[in-house]
Amino acid sequence: TDAASESIRKPVQYFAVIIKPDAALLFAGTDAPAAYANVASIGHLTDHEADITAKLAAEAEKHLGVPSDRFYVQFTEKEAHEW
């Protein structure tokens, strides 16, 4: 959560992280270690997507052993009333 918080410039208390280590994920046609992240935010995403992706990919590699080329991030900007 710290990596995302720094990138989006929002306090860490507004973040939630779910890790499902036993989830089946096929990525690029193989079942080699991979990770998928869905980052949703009320604003502050568009200008920071590359930075957020790089930081989250580095964390996934460090803590989960997932190479950065097998890490995918989906970004979703939300309106305040959608949260």
N, C-alpha and C. Protein backbone atom coordinates (compact mmCIF):
# COMPACT_ATOMS: atom_id res chain seq x y z
N THR A 1 0.81 -1.20 0.00
CA THR A 1 0.00 0.00 0.00
C THR A 1 0.85 1.27 0.00
N ASP A 2 2.02 1.22 0.61
CA ASP A 2 2.88 2.41 0.64
C ASP A 2 3.29 2.85 -0.75
N ALA A 3 3.63 1.89 -1.62
CA ALA A 3 4.06 2.22 -2.98
C ALA A 3 2.95 2.93 -3.75
N ALA A 4 1.73 2.43 -3.64
CA ALA A 4 0.60 3.05 -4.33
C ALA A 4 0.28 4.41 -3.72
N SER A 5 0.32 4.49 -2.42
CA SER A 5 0.03 5.74 -1.72
C SER A 5 0.97 6.85 -2.16
N GLU A 6 2.24 6.53 -2.24
CA GLU A 6 3.23 7.52 -2.67
C GLU A 6 2.98 7.97 -4.10
N SER A 7 2.65 7.03 -4.98
CA SER A 7 2.46 7.35 -6.40
C SER A 7 1.23 8.21 -6.64
N ILE A 8 0.13 7.88 -5.97
CA ILE A 8 -1.12 8.60 -6.19
C ILE A 8 -1.21 9.84 -5.31
N ARG A 9 -0.36 9.90 -4.31
CA ARG A 9 -0.33 11.03 -3.38
C ARG A 9 -1.62 11.10 -2.55
N LYS A 10 -2.02 9.94 -2.06
CA LYS A 10 -3.16 9.85 -1.15
C LYS A 10 -2.69 9.10 0.08
N PRO A 11 -3.26 9.41 1.24
CA PRO A 11 -2.86 8.73 2.48
C PRO A 11 -3.09 7.23 2.41
N VAL A 12 -2.19 6.47 3.00
CA VAL A 12 -2.25 5.01 2.96
C VAL A 12 -3.52 4.47 3.59
N GLN A 13 -4.13 5.20 4.50
CA GLN A 13 -5.36 4.70 5.13
C GLN A 13 -6.53 4.61 4.16
N TYR A 14 -6.39 5.14 2.94
CA TYR A 14 -7.45 5.04 1.94
C TYR A 14 -7.22 3.87 0.97
N PHE A 15 -6.30 2.98 1.28
CA PHE A 15 -5.98 1.87 0.39
C PHE A 15 -6.35 0.54 1.00
N ALA A 16 -6.74 -0.37 0.14
CA ALA A 16 -7.00 -1.76 0.53
C ALA A 16 -6.27 -2.65 -0.46
N VAL A 17 -5.67 -3.70 0.04
CA VAL A 17 -4.95 -4.64 -0.81
C VAL A 17 -5.45 -6.04 -0.52
N ILE A 18 -5.75 -6.77 -1.57
CA ILE A 18 -6.13 -8.17 -1.46
C ILE A 18 -5.12 -8.98 -2.24
N ILE A 19 -4.53 -9.97 -1.59
CA ILE A 19 -3.59 -10.85 -2.26
C ILE A 19 -4.16 -12.26 -2.21
N LYS A 20 -4.31 -12.87 -3.38
CA LYS A 20 -4.84 -14.23 -3.47
C LYS A 20 -3.74 -15.12 -4.05
N PRO A 21 -2.87 -15.64 -3.21
CA PRO A 21 -1.72 -16.40 -3.70
C PRO A 21 -2.08 -17.70 -4.42
N ASP A 22 -3.23 -18.27 -4.16
CA ASP A 22 -3.60 -19.53 -4.80
C ASP A 22 -4.50 -19.35 -6.01
N ALA A 23 -4.73 -18.12 -6.44
CA ALA A 23 -5.59 -17.87 -7.59
C ALA A 23 -4.92 -18.37 -8.87
N ALA A 24 -5.70 -19.02 -9.72
CA ALA A 24 -5.18 -19.48 -11.01
C ALA A 24 -5.13 -18.29 -11.97
N LEU A 25 -3.98 -18.06 -12.58
CA LEU A 25 -3.83 -16.95 -13.50
C LEU A 25 -2.98 -17.39 -14.68
N LEU A 26 -3.57 -17.37 -15.86
CA LEU A 26 -2.81 -17.62 -17.08
C LEU A 26 -2.49 -16.26 -17.67
N PHE A 27 -1.23 -16.04 -17.98
CA PHE A 27 -0.78 -14.74 -18.49
C PHE A 27 0.16 -15.02 -19.64
N ALA A 28 -0.10 -14.43 -20.79
CA ALA A 28 0.72 -14.64 -21.99
C ALA A 28 0.83 -16.12 -22.36
N GLY A 29 -0.24 -16.84 -22.09
CA GLY A 29 -0.31 -18.24 -22.50
C GLY A 29 0.36 -19.25 -21.59
N THR A 30 0.86 -18.82 -20.43
CA THR A 30 1.50 -19.77 -19.52
C THR A 30 0.99 -19.57 -18.10
N ASP A 31 1.23 -20.57 -17.27
CA ASP A 31 0.85 -20.46 -15.86
C ASP A 31 2.06 -20.15 -14.96
N ALA A 32 3.13 -19.63 -15.55
CA ALA A 32 4.29 -19.19 -14.77
C ALA A 32 3.83 -18.07 -13.83
N PRO A 33 4.57 -17.83 -12.74
CA PRO A 33 4.15 -16.79 -11.79
C PRO A 33 3.80 -15.47 -12.49
N ALA A 34 2.65 -14.93 -12.12
CA ALA A 34 2.16 -13.68 -12.70
C ALA A 34 1.29 -12.99 -11.65
N ALA A 35 1.00 -11.72 -11.88
CA ALA A 35 0.15 -10.97 -10.95
C ALA A 35 -0.69 -9.98 -11.74
N TYR A 36 -1.85 -9.72 -11.20
CA TYR A 36 -2.80 -8.76 -11.77
C TYR A 36 -3.23 -7.82 -10.65
N ALA A 37 -3.26 -6.54 -10.92
CA ALA A 37 -3.71 -5.55 -9.93
C ALA A 37 -4.79 -4.68 -10.54
N ASN A 38 -5.78 -4.36 -9.75
CA ASN A 38 -6.82 -3.42 -10.15
C ASN A 38 -6.70 -2.23 -9.22
N VAL A 39 -6.33 -1.09 -9.77
CA VAL A 39 -6.17 0.13 -8.97
C VAL A 39 -7.32 1.06 -9.31
N ALA A 40 -8.16 1.33 -8.32
CA ALA A 40 -9.29 2.23 -8.49
C ALA A 40 -9.09 3.42 -7.56
N SER A 41 -9.43 4.59 -8.05
CA SER A 41 -9.22 5.80 -7.25
C SER A 41 -10.20 6.88 -7.67
N ILE A 42 -10.52 7.74 -6.72
CA ILE A 42 -11.28 8.94 -7.05
C ILE A 42 -10.24 9.96 -7.49
N GLY A 43 -10.05 10.04 -8.79
CA GLY A 43 -9.06 10.96 -9.36
C GLY A 43 -7.63 10.53 -9.11
N HIS A 44 -6.69 11.33 -9.58
CA HIS A 44 -5.25 11.18 -9.34
C HIS A 44 -4.60 10.00 -10.06
N LEU A 45 -5.23 9.36 -11.03
CA LEU A 45 -4.60 8.21 -11.67
C LEU A 45 -3.96 8.54 -13.01
N THR A 46 -4.63 9.27 -13.85
CA THR A 46 -4.21 9.44 -15.24
C THR A 46 -2.74 9.85 -15.38
N ASP A 47 -2.31 10.82 -14.62
CA ASP A 47 -0.94 11.31 -14.75
C ASP A 47 0.10 10.45 -14.06
N HIS A 48 -0.34 9.41 -13.35
CA HIS A 48 0.59 8.64 -12.53
C HIS A 48 0.63 7.15 -12.86
N GLU A 49 -0.04 6.73 -13.93
CA GLU A 49 -0.14 5.31 -14.23
C GLU A 49 1.22 4.62 -14.41
N ALA A 50 2.13 5.23 -15.14
CA ALA A 50 3.44 4.60 -15.37
C ALA A 50 4.22 4.46 -14.06
N ASP A 51 4.19 5.48 -13.23
CA ASP A 51 4.89 5.45 -11.95
C ASP A 51 4.27 4.39 -11.02
N ILE A 52 2.95 4.36 -10.96
CA ILE A 52 2.26 3.38 -10.12
C ILE A 52 2.59 1.97 -10.58
N THR A 53 2.52 1.73 -11.89
CA THR A 53 2.81 0.41 -12.44
C THR A 53 4.23 -0.03 -12.09
N ALA A 54 5.18 0.86 -12.27
CA ALA A 54 6.59 0.52 -11.98
C ALA A 54 6.78 0.17 -10.51
N LYS A 55 6.19 0.97 -9.63
CA LYS A 55 6.36 0.71 -8.19
C LYS A 55 5.66 -0.57 -7.76
N LEU A 56 4.45 -0.80 -8.25
CA LEU A 56 3.74 -2.03 -7.88
C LEU A 56 4.42 -3.26 -8.46
N ALA A 57 4.93 -3.16 -9.68
CA ALA A 57 5.64 -4.28 -10.29
C ALA A 57 6.90 -4.62 -9.49
N ALA A 58 7.61 -3.61 -9.04
CA ALA A 58 8.80 -3.84 -8.22
C ALA A 58 8.44 -4.53 -6.91
N GLU A 59 7.33 -4.13 -6.31
CA GLU A 59 6.88 -4.77 -5.06
C GLU A 59 6.45 -6.21 -5.31
N ALA A 60 5.76 -6.45 -6.42
CA ALA A 60 5.33 -7.82 -6.75
C ALA A 60 6.54 -8.72 -6.98
N GLU A 61 7.57 -8.18 -7.61
CA GLU A 61 8.78 -8.98 -7.83
C GLU A 61 9.50 -9.24 -6.52
N LYS A 62 9.63 -8.23 -5.70
CA LYS A 62 10.35 -8.34 -4.43
C LYS A 62 9.66 -9.30 -3.46
N HIS A 63 8.34 -9.16 -3.31
CA HIS A 63 7.63 -9.91 -2.28
C HIS A 63 6.97 -11.20 -2.77
N LEU A 64 6.65 -11.26 -4.07
CA LEU A 64 5.93 -12.42 -4.60
C LEU A 64 6.73 -13.21 -5.63
N GLY A 65 7.87 -12.67 -6.04
CA GLY A 65 8.68 -13.37 -7.04
C GLY A 65 8.09 -13.32 -8.44
N VAL A 66 7.26 -12.32 -8.72
CA VAL A 66 6.64 -12.18 -10.03
C VAL A 66 7.47 -11.21 -10.88
N PRO A 67 8.00 -11.68 -12.02
CA PRO A 67 8.77 -10.79 -12.89
C PRO A 67 7.91 -9.63 -13.39
N SER A 68 8.51 -8.48 -13.58
CA SER A 68 7.74 -7.29 -13.97
C SER A 68 7.06 -7.45 -15.33
N ASP A 69 7.61 -8.31 -16.19
CA ASP A 69 6.96 -8.51 -17.49
C ASP A 69 5.78 -9.47 -17.42
N ARG A 70 5.48 -9.95 -16.22
CA ARG A 70 4.31 -10.81 -16.01
C ARG A 70 3.37 -10.19 -14.98
N PHE A 71 3.36 -8.86 -14.97
CA PHE A 71 2.54 -8.09 -14.04
C PHE A 71 1.67 -7.15 -14.85
N TYR A 72 0.37 -7.14 -14.60
CA TYR A 72 -0.56 -6.30 -15.34
C TYR A 72 -1.38 -5.47 -14.36
N VAL A 73 -1.57 -4.20 -14.69
CA VAL A 73 -2.36 -3.30 -13.85
C VAL A 73 -3.51 -2.73 -14.66
N GLN A 74 -4.71 -2.80 -14.10
CA GLN A 74 -5.89 -2.16 -14.67
C GLN A 74 -6.21 -0.94 -13.81
N PHE A 75 -6.36 0.20 -14.45
CA PHE A 75 -6.67 1.44 -13.73
C PHE A 75 -8.12 1.83 -13.96
N THR A 76 -8.79 2.24 -12.88
CA THR A 76 -10.18 2.66 -12.97
C THR A 76 -10.35 3.95 -12.17
N GLU A 77 -10.71 5.03 -12.88
CA GLU A 77 -10.99 6.29 -12.19
C GLU A 77 -12.47 6.28 -11.79
N LYS A 78 -12.74 6.61 -10.55
CA LYS A 78 -14.10 6.62 -10.02
C LYS A 78 -14.52 8.05 -9.67
N GLU A 79 -15.81 8.26 -9.69
CA GLU A 79 -16.38 9.51 -9.19
C GLU A 79 -16.66 9.29 -7.70
N ALA A 80 -16.70 10.36 -6.94
CA ALA A 80 -16.91 10.23 -5.49
C ALA A 80 -18.20 9.49 -5.16
N HIS A 81 -19.25 9.68 -5.93
CA HIS A 81 -20.51 9.01 -5.63
C HIS A 81 -20.49 7.51 -5.94
N GLU A 82 -19.47 7.05 -6.65
CA GLU A 82 -19.36 5.62 -6.99
C GLU A 82 -18.65 4.83 -5.90
N TRP A 83 -18.09 5.49 -4.93
CA TRP A 83 -17.29 4.79 -3.92
C TRP A 83 -18.09 4.37 -2.75
